[in-house]
Amino acid sequence: MGKIIAIANQKGGVGKTTTSVNLAASLGVLEKKVLLIDADPQANASSGLGIDVDSVEIGTYQILEHSNIPEDAIVTSSSPNVDIIPAHIDLVAIEIELVDKENREYMLKQALESIKDKYDYILIDCAPSLGLLTLNALTAADSVVIPIQCEYFALEGLGKLLNTIKSVQKIHNPNLDIEGLLLTMYDSRLRLSNQVVEEVQKHFNDMVFKTIIQRNVKLSEAPSFGESIIAFDATSKGATNYLSLAEEIIKKNSN
């Protein structure tokens, strides 16, 4: 039975897509079968795994519309053991189109029923908003990873996201868990980075992943080559961090 993990935070630029792509690649390298679903109209997770976004004809939009089944949209990525359902800019329209549909929050959940058992992990890269797209992801997911940037406004908006998760648990998905809070863009030289880490660990102790994703030039270069950090530079700090995160998640889910 595959575990569905949404990677969500309504703040942009916190490392959601970086985490989605590189966690998927790391789980794949550790011999888990992974499906990455790009649920962000910017489609950065798709291009980050080498997909030509302009040529996508069947993707997340068609799956949410139920005009195609997920099997039609799955593409094999260049990353070992990683498949992807890519996104296209047309995904922007989905929020408006689903508004009048019955059970609109459950479109993704229903679509994934047929393929859930084919993967060890299904990761959903969410859009930086708390709209219908993210709501569909949270309703379909078993758990959520929340990336938090080690910067001044890190905790701003976190309360809002946690409240959204609570209301999704109450109304749509009582089984939704928090997989963990992931500290990203950490720079050990900055006092502020260290303060944010302390603050988050103090407030949320066990909910915080032990792995911290450090700032790493290679991490920001990899997507422009359409590669995960594992393919781009397996010896880099970024690769080590994401492999460590993947191991932490596998260990947590095998108990």
Protein backbone atom coordinates (compact mmCIF):
# COMPACT_ATOMS: atom_id res chain seq x y z
CA MET A 1 0.00 0.00 0.00
CA GLY A 2 1.59 3.29 -1.10
CA LYS A 3 1.87 6.18 1.31
CA ILE A 4 0.73 9.52 -0.09
CA ILE A 5 2.71 12.50 1.22
CA ALA A 6 1.82 16.10 0.34
CA ILE A 7 4.61 18.68 0.51
CA ALA A 8 2.86 21.89 1.42
CA ASN A 9 3.32 25.42 2.67
CA GLN A 10 1.36 28.39 1.36
CA LYS A 11 4.52 30.52 1.55
CA GLY A 12 6.48 30.55 -1.69
CA GLY A 13 10.23 30.03 -1.85
CA VAL A 14 10.56 27.73 1.15
CA GLY A 15 11.91 24.74 -0.76
CA LYS A 16 8.73 22.77 -1.53
CA THR A 17 9.62 21.84 -5.09
CA THR A 18 13.30 21.30 -4.25
CA THR A 19 12.15 18.94 -1.51
CA SER A 20 9.58 17.16 -3.70
CA VAL A 21 12.04 16.47 -6.52
CA ASN A 22 15.02 15.53 -4.37
CA LEU A 23 13.10 13.51 -1.81
CA ALA A 24 11.52 11.55 -4.69
CA ALA A 25 14.95 10.97 -6.25
CA SER A 26 16.46 9.96 -2.89
CA LEU A 27 13.66 7.49 -2.12
CA GLY A 28 14.13 6.10 -5.64
CA VAL A 29 17.87 5.60 -5.12
CA LEU A 30 17.04 3.79 -1.87
CA GLU A 31 15.03 1.36 -4.02
CA LYS A 32 11.54 2.60 -3.24
CA LYS A 33 9.07 2.93 -6.09
CA VAL A 34 7.99 6.57 -6.20
CA LEU A 35 5.39 8.65 -8.04
CA LEU A 36 5.76 12.43 -7.94
CA ILE A 37 2.62 14.43 -8.72
CA ASP A 38 3.17 18.01 -9.80
CA ALA A 39 0.19 19.93 -8.41
CA ASP A 40 1.66 23.39 -8.94
CA PRO A 41 0.74 25.33 -12.13
CA GLN A 42 4.32 26.63 -12.28
CA ALA A 43 5.27 23.02 -13.13
CA ASN A 44 8.76 23.39 -11.64
CA ALA A 45 8.82 19.84 -10.30
CA SER A 46 8.15 18.58 -13.85
CA SER A 47 10.94 20.63 -15.45
CA GLY A 48 13.18 19.82 -12.47
CA LEU A 49 13.02 16.17 -13.49
CA GLY A 50 13.71 16.90 -17.13
CA ILE A 51 10.14 16.97 -18.46
CA ASP A 52 9.45 19.36 -21.35
CA VAL A 53 6.48 21.13 -19.78
CA ASP A 54 5.19 22.64 -23.03
CA SER A 55 4.70 19.22 -24.56
CA VAL A 56 2.61 17.84 -21.67
CA GLU A 57 -0.78 16.82 -23.05
CA ILE A 58 -2.07 14.74 -20.16
CA GLY A 59 -1.10 15.79 -16.67
CA THR A 60 -2.43 16.72 -13.25
CA TYR A 61 -5.15 18.92 -14.78
CA GLN A 62 -6.73 16.02 -16.70
CA ILE A 63 -6.50 13.76 -13.63
CA LEU A 64 -8.33 16.31 -11.47
CA GLU A 65 -10.90 16.81 -14.21
CA HIS A 66 -11.34 13.03 -14.35
CA SER A 67 -11.08 13.29 -18.15
CA ASN A 68 -8.12 10.86 -18.00
CA ILE A 69 -7.03 8.18 -15.59
CA PRO A 70 -3.66 8.58 -13.79
CA GLU A 71 -2.14 5.73 -15.82
CA ASP A 72 -2.53 7.93 -18.94
CA ALA A 73 -0.52 10.73 -17.37
CA ILE A 74 2.36 8.84 -15.77
CA VAL A 75 5.75 9.51 -17.32
CA THR A 76 8.96 7.68 -16.46
CA SER A 77 11.53 10.21 -15.25
CA SER A 78 15.30 10.00 -15.71
CA SER A 79 15.60 9.41 -11.97
CA PRO A 80 15.79 5.69 -11.01
CA ASN A 81 12.46 4.27 -9.73
CA VAL A 82 10.72 7.66 -10.04
CA ASP A 83 7.61 8.25 -12.19
CA ILE A 84 5.94 11.62 -12.48
CA ILE A 85 2.52 13.01 -13.33
CA PRO A 86 3.59 16.35 -14.79
CA ALA A 87 1.81 19.69 -14.67
CA HIS A 88 1.17 22.27 -17.35
CA ILE A 89 0.22 25.94 -17.04
CA ASP A 90 -3.42 24.90 -17.78
CA LEU A 91 -3.58 23.77 -14.15
CA VAL A 92 -4.17 27.44 -13.27
CA ALA A 93 -7.76 27.08 -14.48
CA ILE A 94 -8.62 24.07 -12.36
CA GLU A 95 -9.59 26.03 -9.25
CA ILE A 96 -12.31 27.87 -11.17
CA GLU A 97 -13.48 24.79 -13.06
CA LEU A 98 -13.86 22.63 -9.98
CA VAL A 99 -15.76 25.23 -7.95
CA ASP A 100 -19.22 23.99 -8.96
CA LYS A 101 -18.36 20.30 -8.96
CA GLU A 102 -19.74 18.02 -6.32
CA ASN A 103 -17.07 16.54 -4.00
CA ARG A 104 -14.57 18.95 -5.52
CA GLU A 105 -12.10 18.43 -2.65
CA TYR A 106 -11.96 14.67 -3.35
CA MET A 107 -11.07 14.72 -7.07
CA LEU A 108 -7.43 13.78 -6.56
CA LYS A 109 -8.18 11.24 -3.85
CA GLN A 110 -10.65 9.43 -6.13
CA ALA A 111 -8.24 9.52 -9.06
CA LEU A 112 -5.38 7.99 -7.07
CA GLU A 113 -7.35 5.01 -5.77
CA SER A 114 -6.46 2.93 -8.84
CA ILE A 115 -2.67 3.41 -8.56
CA LYS A 116 -2.06 3.75 -4.83
CA ASP A 117 -0.89 0.16 -4.50
CA LYS A 118 1.62 0.39 -7.33
CA TYR A 119 4.04 2.65 -5.46
CA ASP A 120 5.79 2.73 -2.09
CA TYR A 121 5.48 6.52 -1.93
CA ILE A 122 3.39 9.05 -3.82
CA LEU A 123 4.63 12.62 -3.28
CA ILE A 124 2.51 15.65 -4.17
CA ASP A 125 4.26 18.97 -4.82
CA CYS A 126 1.66 21.56 -3.78
CA ALA A 127 1.15 25.07 -5.09
CA PRO A 128 2.14 27.98 -2.79
CA SER A 129 -1.44 28.72 -1.77
CA LEU A 130 -4.20 27.19 0.30
CA GLY A 131 -6.63 26.97 -2.60
CA LEU A 132 -8.57 24.05 -4.02
CA LEU A 133 -5.47 22.42 -5.51
CA THR A 134 -3.71 22.20 -2.15
CA LEU A 135 -6.96 21.16 -0.49
CA ASN A 136 -7.25 18.26 -2.97
CA ALA A 137 -3.67 17.24 -2.15
CA LEU A 138 -4.29 17.34 1.61
CA THR A 139 -7.54 15.39 1.25
CA ALA A 140 -5.79 12.72 -0.82
CA ALA A 141 -2.69 12.51 1.39
CA ASP A 142 -1.90 10.26 4.34
CA SER A 143 0.52 12.85 5.70
CA VAL A 144 2.12 16.20 4.99
CA VAL A 145 5.72 17.42 5.03
CA ILE A 146 5.98 21.14 5.78
CA PRO A 147 9.21 22.81 4.62
CA ILE A 148 10.18 25.82 6.75
CA GLN A 149 12.86 28.24 5.64
CA CYS A 150 15.43 29.15 8.31
CA GLU A 151 14.68 32.86 7.95
CA TYR A 152 13.04 35.67 9.85
CA PHE A 153 9.46 35.17 8.66
CA ALA A 154 9.67 31.38 8.89
CA LEU A 155 6.98 30.90 11.49
CA GLU A 156 4.71 33.50 9.95
CA GLY A 157 1.94 31.65 8.15
CA LEU A 158 2.77 28.35 9.82
CA GLY A 159 -0.15 28.80 12.23
CA LYS A 160 -2.46 29.40 9.29
CA LEU A 161 -1.26 26.24 7.54
CA LEU A 162 -1.63 24.16 10.71
CA ASN A 163 -5.20 25.49 11.09
CA THR A 164 -5.94 24.50 7.47
CA ILE A 165 -4.58 21.03 8.19
CA LYS A 166 -6.79 20.83 11.30
CA SER A 167 -9.89 21.75 9.34
CA VAL A 168 -9.03 19.24 6.59
CA GLN A 169 -8.68 16.61 9.32
CA LYS A 170 -12.03 17.60 10.75
CA ILE A 171 -14.01 17.84 7.51
CA HIS A 172 -12.34 15.89 4.70
CA ASN A 173 -9.57 13.61 5.89
CA PRO A 174 -9.52 12.52 9.55
CA ASN A 175 -6.46 10.31 8.87
CA LEU A 176 -4.19 13.14 7.73
CA ASP A 177 -0.97 13.16 9.76
CA ILE A 178 1.90 15.61 9.91
CA GLU A 179 4.88 13.63 8.61
CA GLY A 180 7.16 16.35 9.89
CA LEU A 181 8.39 19.93 9.72
CA LEU A 182 11.49 20.21 7.54
CA LEU A 183 13.95 23.03 8.14
CA THR A 184 15.39 24.21 4.80
CA MET A 185 17.95 26.75 3.56
CA TYR A 186 19.93 26.51 6.78
CA ASP A 187 23.18 28.46 6.97
CA SER A 188 25.21 27.54 10.05
CA ARG A 189 27.13 30.84 9.87
CA LEU A 190 24.01 32.92 10.42
CA ARG A 191 22.83 33.53 13.95
CA LEU A 192 19.31 33.94 12.60
CA SER A 193 19.34 30.47 11.03
CA ASN A 194 20.34 28.97 14.36
CA GLN A 195 17.67 30.94 16.20
CA VAL A 196 14.95 29.71 13.82
CA VAL A 197 16.10 26.10 14.28
CA GLU A 198 16.00 26.49 18.09
CA GLU A 199 12.62 28.20 18.00
CA VAL A 200 11.01 25.56 15.74
CA GLN A 201 12.50 22.67 17.73
CA LYS A 202 11.36 24.24 21.00
CA HIS A 203 7.78 24.74 19.82
CA PHE A 204 7.30 21.55 17.84
CA ASN A 205 9.98 19.18 19.24
CA ASP A 206 9.06 15.68 17.94
CA MET A 207 7.30 17.02 14.87
CA VAL A 208 10.58 18.35 13.44
CA PHE A 209 12.73 16.14 11.20
CA LYS A 210 16.23 15.55 12.54
CA THR A 211 17.56 16.18 9.04
CA ILE A 212 18.10 19.86 8.24
CA ILE A 213 18.53 20.92 4.60
CA GLN A 214 21.51 23.24 4.34
CA ARG A 215 21.94 26.06 1.87
CA ASN A 216 23.77 24.60 -1.08
CA VAL A 217 24.65 26.16 -4.43
CA LYS A 218 24.40 22.80 -6.20
CA LEU A 219 20.79 22.45 -5.00
CA SER A 220 19.80 25.62 -6.80
CA GLU A 221 21.80 24.74 -9.94
CA ALA A 222 20.43 21.21 -10.44
CA PRO A 223 16.90 22.17 -11.70
CA SER A 224 18.31 24.22 -14.59
CA PHE A 225 19.82 20.97 -15.88
CA GLY A 226 16.52 19.11 -15.40
CA GLU A 227 18.16 16.88 -12.81
CA SER A 228 17.71 15.99 -9.18
CA ILE A 229 20.59 16.76 -6.84
CA ILE A 230 21.37 13.03 -6.73
CA ALA A 231 21.96 12.93 -10.50
CA PHE A 232 23.59 16.36 -10.61
CA ASP A 233 26.11 15.93 -7.80
CA ALA A 234 25.71 12.91 -5.56
CA THR A 235 28.59 14.03 -3.33
CA SER A 236 27.15 17.47 -2.57
CA LYS A 237 25.81 18.53 0.80
CA GLY A 238 22.34 18.81 -0.73
CA ALA A 239 22.40 15.18 -1.89
CA THR A 240 23.59 14.00 1.52
CA ASN A 241 20.83 15.99 3.26
CA TYR A 242 18.01 14.65 1.08
CA LEU A 243 19.24 11.05 1.30
CA SER A 244 19.26 11.46 5.06
CA LEU A 245 15.68 12.80 4.95
CA ALA A 246 14.58 9.86 2.77
CA GLU A 247 16.15 7.41 5.22
CA GLU A 248 14.41 9.15 8.12
CA ILE A 249 11.02 8.87 6.37
CA ILE A 250 11.56 5.21 5.43
CA LYS A 251 12.57 4.38 9.01
CA LYS A 252 9.59 6.26 10.43
CA ASN A 253 7.20 4.38 8.16
CA SER A 254 8.60 0.92 8.70
CA ASN A 255 7.89 0.94 12.43
